[in-house]
């Protein structure tokens, strides 16, 4: 089985975004204040549709979601927390 790492983008727009992943998330970062990026293992196996949303520090977060990672936006003024639906 071939493995690599792919990058995906999640807009910072208070919406949930579906991404089909074939492996684990390995890193969260951002190069823009408007987009959170995640890097995940990619294989040639079957994909699972997963839901992600970026939250800002201080925003209310539902109890039933999982923290994936945190990143500081360029300029060091905003911090985004990537959350996933169970």
N, C-alpha and C. Protein backbone atom coordinates (compact mmCIF):
# COMPACT_ATOMS: atom_id res chain seq x y z
N UNK A 1 0.84 -1.18 0.00
CA UNK A 1 0.00 0.00 0.00
C UNK A 1 0.89 1.25 0.00
N UNK A 2 0.63 2.15 -0.91
CA UNK A 2 1.39 3.39 -0.99
C UNK A 2 0.83 4.41 -0.01
N UNK A 3 1.73 5.09 0.70
CA UNK A 3 1.32 6.14 1.64
C UNK A 3 2.03 7.43 1.29
N UNK A 4 1.33 8.55 1.51
CA UNK A 4 1.92 9.87 1.37
C UNK A 4 1.15 10.80 2.31
N UNK A 5 1.52 12.06 2.32
CA UNK A 5 0.81 13.04 3.13
C UNK A 5 0.23 14.09 2.19
N UNK A 6 -1.07 14.37 2.37
CA UNK A 6 -1.77 15.38 1.57
C UNK A 6 -2.18 16.53 2.48
N UNK A 7 -2.31 17.71 1.87
CA UNK A 7 -2.75 18.92 2.58
C UNK A 7 -4.19 19.23 2.16
N UNK A 8 -4.99 19.63 3.14
CA UNK A 8 -6.39 20.00 2.91
C UNK A 8 -6.66 21.36 3.55
N UNK A 9 -7.62 22.10 3.01
CA UNK A 9 -7.94 23.44 3.52
C UNK A 9 -9.36 23.47 4.09
N UNK A 10 -9.50 24.10 5.25
CA UNK A 10 -10.79 24.32 5.87
C UNK A 10 -10.96 25.82 6.04
N UNK A 11 -11.92 26.43 5.35
CA UNK A 11 -12.13 27.87 5.49
C UNK A 11 -12.56 28.24 6.92
N UNK A 12 -12.16 29.40 7.37
CA UNK A 12 -12.62 29.93 8.66
C UNK A 12 -13.89 30.72 8.37
N UNK A 13 -15.04 30.02 8.42
CA UNK A 13 -16.31 30.66 8.03
C UNK A 13 -17.50 30.21 8.87
N UNK A 14 -17.24 29.64 10.04
CA UNK A 14 -18.31 29.18 10.95
C UNK A 14 -19.20 28.11 10.32
N UNK A 15 -18.66 27.34 9.39
CA UNK A 15 -19.39 26.26 8.74
C UNK A 15 -18.61 24.95 8.88
N UNK A 16 -19.35 23.83 8.83
CA UNK A 16 -18.71 22.52 8.81
C UNK A 16 -18.33 22.18 7.38
N UNK A 17 -17.19 21.51 7.22
CA UNK A 17 -16.69 21.15 5.90
C UNK A 17 -16.36 19.66 5.87
N UNK A 18 -16.89 18.96 4.86
CA UNK A 18 -16.66 17.52 4.71
C UNK A 18 -15.41 17.28 3.88
N UNK A 19 -14.56 16.40 4.39
CA UNK A 19 -13.34 16.01 3.68
C UNK A 19 -13.25 14.50 3.72
N UNK A 20 -12.96 13.89 2.59
CA UNK A 20 -12.77 12.44 2.51
C UNK A 20 -11.30 12.12 2.78
N UNK A 21 -11.05 11.45 3.90
CA UNK A 21 -9.68 11.11 4.30
C UNK A 21 -9.51 9.60 4.33
N UNK A 22 -8.30 9.18 4.01
CA UNK A 22 -7.97 7.75 4.06
C UNK A 22 -7.03 7.42 5.21
N UNK A 23 -6.64 8.41 5.99
CA UNK A 23 -5.72 8.17 7.10
C UNK A 23 -5.83 9.24 8.17
N UNK A 24 -4.93 9.17 9.11
CA UNK A 24 -4.95 10.05 10.28
C UNK A 24 -4.46 11.46 9.96
N UNK A 25 -4.99 12.43 10.69
CA UNK A 25 -4.48 13.81 10.63
C UNK A 25 -3.16 13.83 11.38
N UNK A 26 -2.13 14.43 10.76
CA UNK A 26 -0.81 14.46 11.39
C UNK A 26 -0.37 15.87 11.79
N UNK A 27 -1.02 16.91 11.23
CA UNK A 27 -0.62 18.28 11.58
C UNK A 27 -1.72 19.26 11.21
N UNK A 28 -1.80 20.36 11.98
CA UNK A 28 -2.72 21.46 11.70
C UNK A 28 -1.90 22.74 11.69
N UNK A 29 -2.15 23.61 10.71
CA UNK A 29 -1.43 24.88 10.62
C UNK A 29 -2.22 25.87 9.79
N UNK A 30 -1.65 27.03 9.56
CA UNK A 30 -2.29 27.99 8.66
C UNK A 30 -1.26 28.99 8.16
N UNK A 31 -1.48 29.43 6.92
CA UNK A 31 -0.64 30.44 6.30
C UNK A 31 -1.46 31.67 5.95
N UNK A 32 -2.75 31.65 6.31
CA UNK A 32 -3.68 32.74 6.05
C UNK A 32 -4.64 32.83 7.23
N UNK A 33 -5.12 34.02 7.53
CA UNK A 33 -6.08 34.15 8.63
C UNK A 33 -7.45 33.59 8.24
N UNK A 34 -7.65 33.27 6.99
CA UNK A 34 -8.95 32.83 6.49
C UNK A 34 -9.06 31.33 6.27
N UNK A 35 -7.96 30.59 6.40
CA UNK A 35 -7.96 29.16 6.10
C UNK A 35 -7.10 28.41 7.11
N UNK A 36 -7.66 27.35 7.67
CA UNK A 36 -6.89 26.41 8.49
C UNK A 36 -6.54 25.23 7.58
N UNK A 37 -5.32 24.77 7.68
CA UNK A 37 -4.86 23.65 6.87
C UNK A 37 -4.64 22.43 7.75
N UNK A 38 -4.93 21.27 7.19
CA UNK A 38 -4.57 20.05 7.89
C UNK A 38 -3.82 19.14 6.93
N UNK A 39 -2.89 18.40 7.48
CA UNK A 39 -2.13 17.42 6.72
C UNK A 39 -2.52 16.05 7.27
N UNK A 40 -2.78 15.12 6.34
CA UNK A 40 -3.22 13.79 6.75
C UNK A 40 -2.54 12.74 5.89
N UNK A 41 -2.38 11.56 6.48
CA UNK A 41 -1.86 10.42 5.75
C UNK A 41 -2.86 10.08 4.65
N UNK A 42 -2.35 9.81 3.46
CA UNK A 42 -3.19 9.42 2.34
C UNK A 42 -2.71 8.07 1.85
N UNK A 43 -3.65 7.15 1.68
CA UNK A 43 -3.34 5.82 1.14
C UNK A 43 -4.27 5.54 -0.04
N UNK A 44 -4.05 4.41 -0.68
CA UNK A 44 -4.94 4.03 -1.77
C UNK A 44 -6.13 3.23 -1.27
N UNK A 45 -6.35 3.22 0.04
CA UNK A 45 -7.48 2.52 0.63
C UNK A 45 -8.75 3.35 0.59
N UNK A 46 -9.84 2.82 1.14
CA UNK A 46 -11.12 3.53 1.12
C UNK A 46 -11.09 4.78 1.99
N UNK A 47 -11.81 5.80 1.53
CA UNK A 47 -11.87 7.07 2.25
C UNK A 47 -13.08 7.10 3.19
N UNK A 48 -12.95 7.87 4.25
CA UNK A 48 -14.03 8.13 5.19
C UNK A 48 -14.34 9.61 5.16
N UNK A 49 -15.59 9.97 4.99
CA UNK A 49 -16.00 11.39 5.01
C UNK A 49 -16.01 11.86 6.46
N UNK A 50 -15.26 12.95 6.71
CA UNK A 50 -15.14 13.50 8.05
C UNK A 50 -15.47 14.99 8.02
N UNK A 51 -16.06 15.48 9.11
CA UNK A 51 -16.47 16.89 9.17
C UNK A 51 -15.56 17.70 10.06
N UNK A 52 -15.09 18.86 9.54
CA UNK A 52 -14.18 19.73 10.28
C UNK A 52 -14.70 21.16 10.28
N UNK A 53 -14.37 21.88 11.35
CA UNK A 53 -14.73 23.30 11.45
C UNK A 53 -13.68 24.01 12.28
N UNK A 54 -13.35 25.22 11.88
CA UNK A 54 -12.40 26.05 12.62
C UNK A 54 -13.17 26.94 13.59
N UNK A 55 -12.72 26.96 14.83
CA UNK A 55 -13.28 27.82 15.87
C UNK A 55 -12.20 28.78 16.35
N UNK A 56 -12.58 29.99 16.66
CA UNK A 56 -11.66 30.95 17.25
C UNK A 56 -11.64 30.81 18.76
N UNK A 57 -10.57 31.27 19.37
CA UNK A 57 -10.49 31.27 20.83
C UNK A 57 -11.65 32.08 21.39
N UNK A 58 -12.35 31.50 22.36
CA UNK A 58 -13.47 32.18 23.01
C UNK A 58 -14.83 31.86 22.42
N UNK A 59 -14.87 31.26 21.22
CA UNK A 59 -16.15 30.87 20.64
C UNK A 59 -16.71 29.68 21.40
N UNK A 60 -18.05 29.63 21.57
CA UNK A 60 -18.65 28.46 22.21
C UNK A 60 -18.44 27.22 21.34
N UNK A 61 -18.11 26.11 22.00
CA UNK A 61 -17.84 24.85 21.30
C UNK A 61 -18.78 23.78 21.87
N UNK A 62 -19.53 23.10 21.02
CA UNK A 62 -20.42 22.03 21.50
C UNK A 62 -19.63 20.93 22.21
N UNK A 63 -20.31 20.24 23.14
CA UNK A 63 -19.66 19.18 23.92
C UNK A 63 -19.32 17.95 23.09
N UNK A 64 -20.04 17.71 22.01
CA UNK A 64 -19.91 16.43 21.31
C UNK A 64 -18.93 16.45 20.14
N UNK A 65 -18.01 17.40 20.10
CA UNK A 65 -17.03 17.43 19.02
C UNK A 65 -15.63 17.23 19.60
N UNK A 66 -14.69 16.88 18.73
CA UNK A 66 -13.33 16.52 19.15
C UNK A 66 -12.31 17.54 18.66
N UNK A 67 -11.39 17.91 19.52
CA UNK A 67 -10.30 18.81 19.16
C UNK A 67 -9.28 18.05 18.32
N UNK A 68 -8.92 18.61 17.15
CA UNK A 68 -7.95 17.98 16.25
C UNK A 68 -6.59 18.65 16.37
N UNK A 69 -6.59 19.99 16.49
CA UNK A 69 -5.33 20.72 16.60
C UNK A 69 -5.59 22.21 16.70
N UNK A 70 -4.56 22.94 17.09
CA UNK A 70 -4.61 24.39 17.25
C UNK A 70 -3.48 25.01 16.47
N UNK A 71 -3.75 26.18 15.88
CA UNK A 71 -2.72 26.87 15.12
C UNK A 71 -2.84 28.38 15.33
N UNK A 72 -1.74 29.06 15.27
CA UNK A 72 -1.71 30.53 15.38
C UNK A 72 -1.63 31.10 13.98
N UNK A 73 -2.56 32.00 13.67
CA UNK A 73 -2.61 32.61 12.34
C UNK A 73 -1.46 33.59 12.16
N UNK A 74 -1.09 33.86 10.90
CA UNK A 74 -0.04 34.84 10.64
C UNK A 74 -0.36 36.17 11.31
N UNK A 75 0.65 36.78 11.88
CA UNK A 75 0.47 38.03 12.61
C UNK A 75 0.31 37.82 14.10
N UNK A 76 0.12 36.57 14.53
CA UNK A 76 0.04 36.20 15.95
C UNK A 76 -1.13 36.84 16.70
N UNK A 77 -2.19 37.27 16.00
CA UNK A 77 -3.33 37.90 16.67
C UNK A 77 -4.52 36.96 16.82
N UNK A 78 -4.60 35.94 15.98
CA UNK A 78 -5.73 35.02 15.99
C UNK A 78 -5.23 33.60 16.20
N UNK A 79 -6.00 32.84 16.95
CA UNK A 79 -5.70 31.41 17.18
C UNK A 79 -6.92 30.61 16.75
N UNK A 80 -6.70 29.63 15.88
CA UNK A 80 -7.78 28.78 15.38
C UNK A 80 -7.65 27.39 15.99
N UNK A 81 -8.81 26.81 16.33
CA UNK A 81 -8.87 25.47 16.90
C UNK A 81 -9.69 24.62 15.93
N UNK A 82 -9.08 23.60 15.35
CA UNK A 82 -9.76 22.73 14.41
C UNK A 82 -10.48 21.63 15.19
N UNK A 83 -11.80 21.54 14.94
CA UNK A 83 -12.63 20.57 15.63
C UNK A 83 -13.23 19.61 14.62
N UNK A 84 -13.57 18.40 15.08
CA UNK A 84 -14.13 17.38 14.20
C UNK A 84 -15.41 16.82 14.79
N UNK A 85 -16.38 16.56 13.91
CA UNK A 85 -17.60 15.89 14.32
C UNK A 85 -17.27 14.45 14.68
N UNK A 86 -17.96 13.87 15.67
CA UNK A 86 -17.69 12.46 16.03
C UNK A 86 -18.14 11.50 14.94
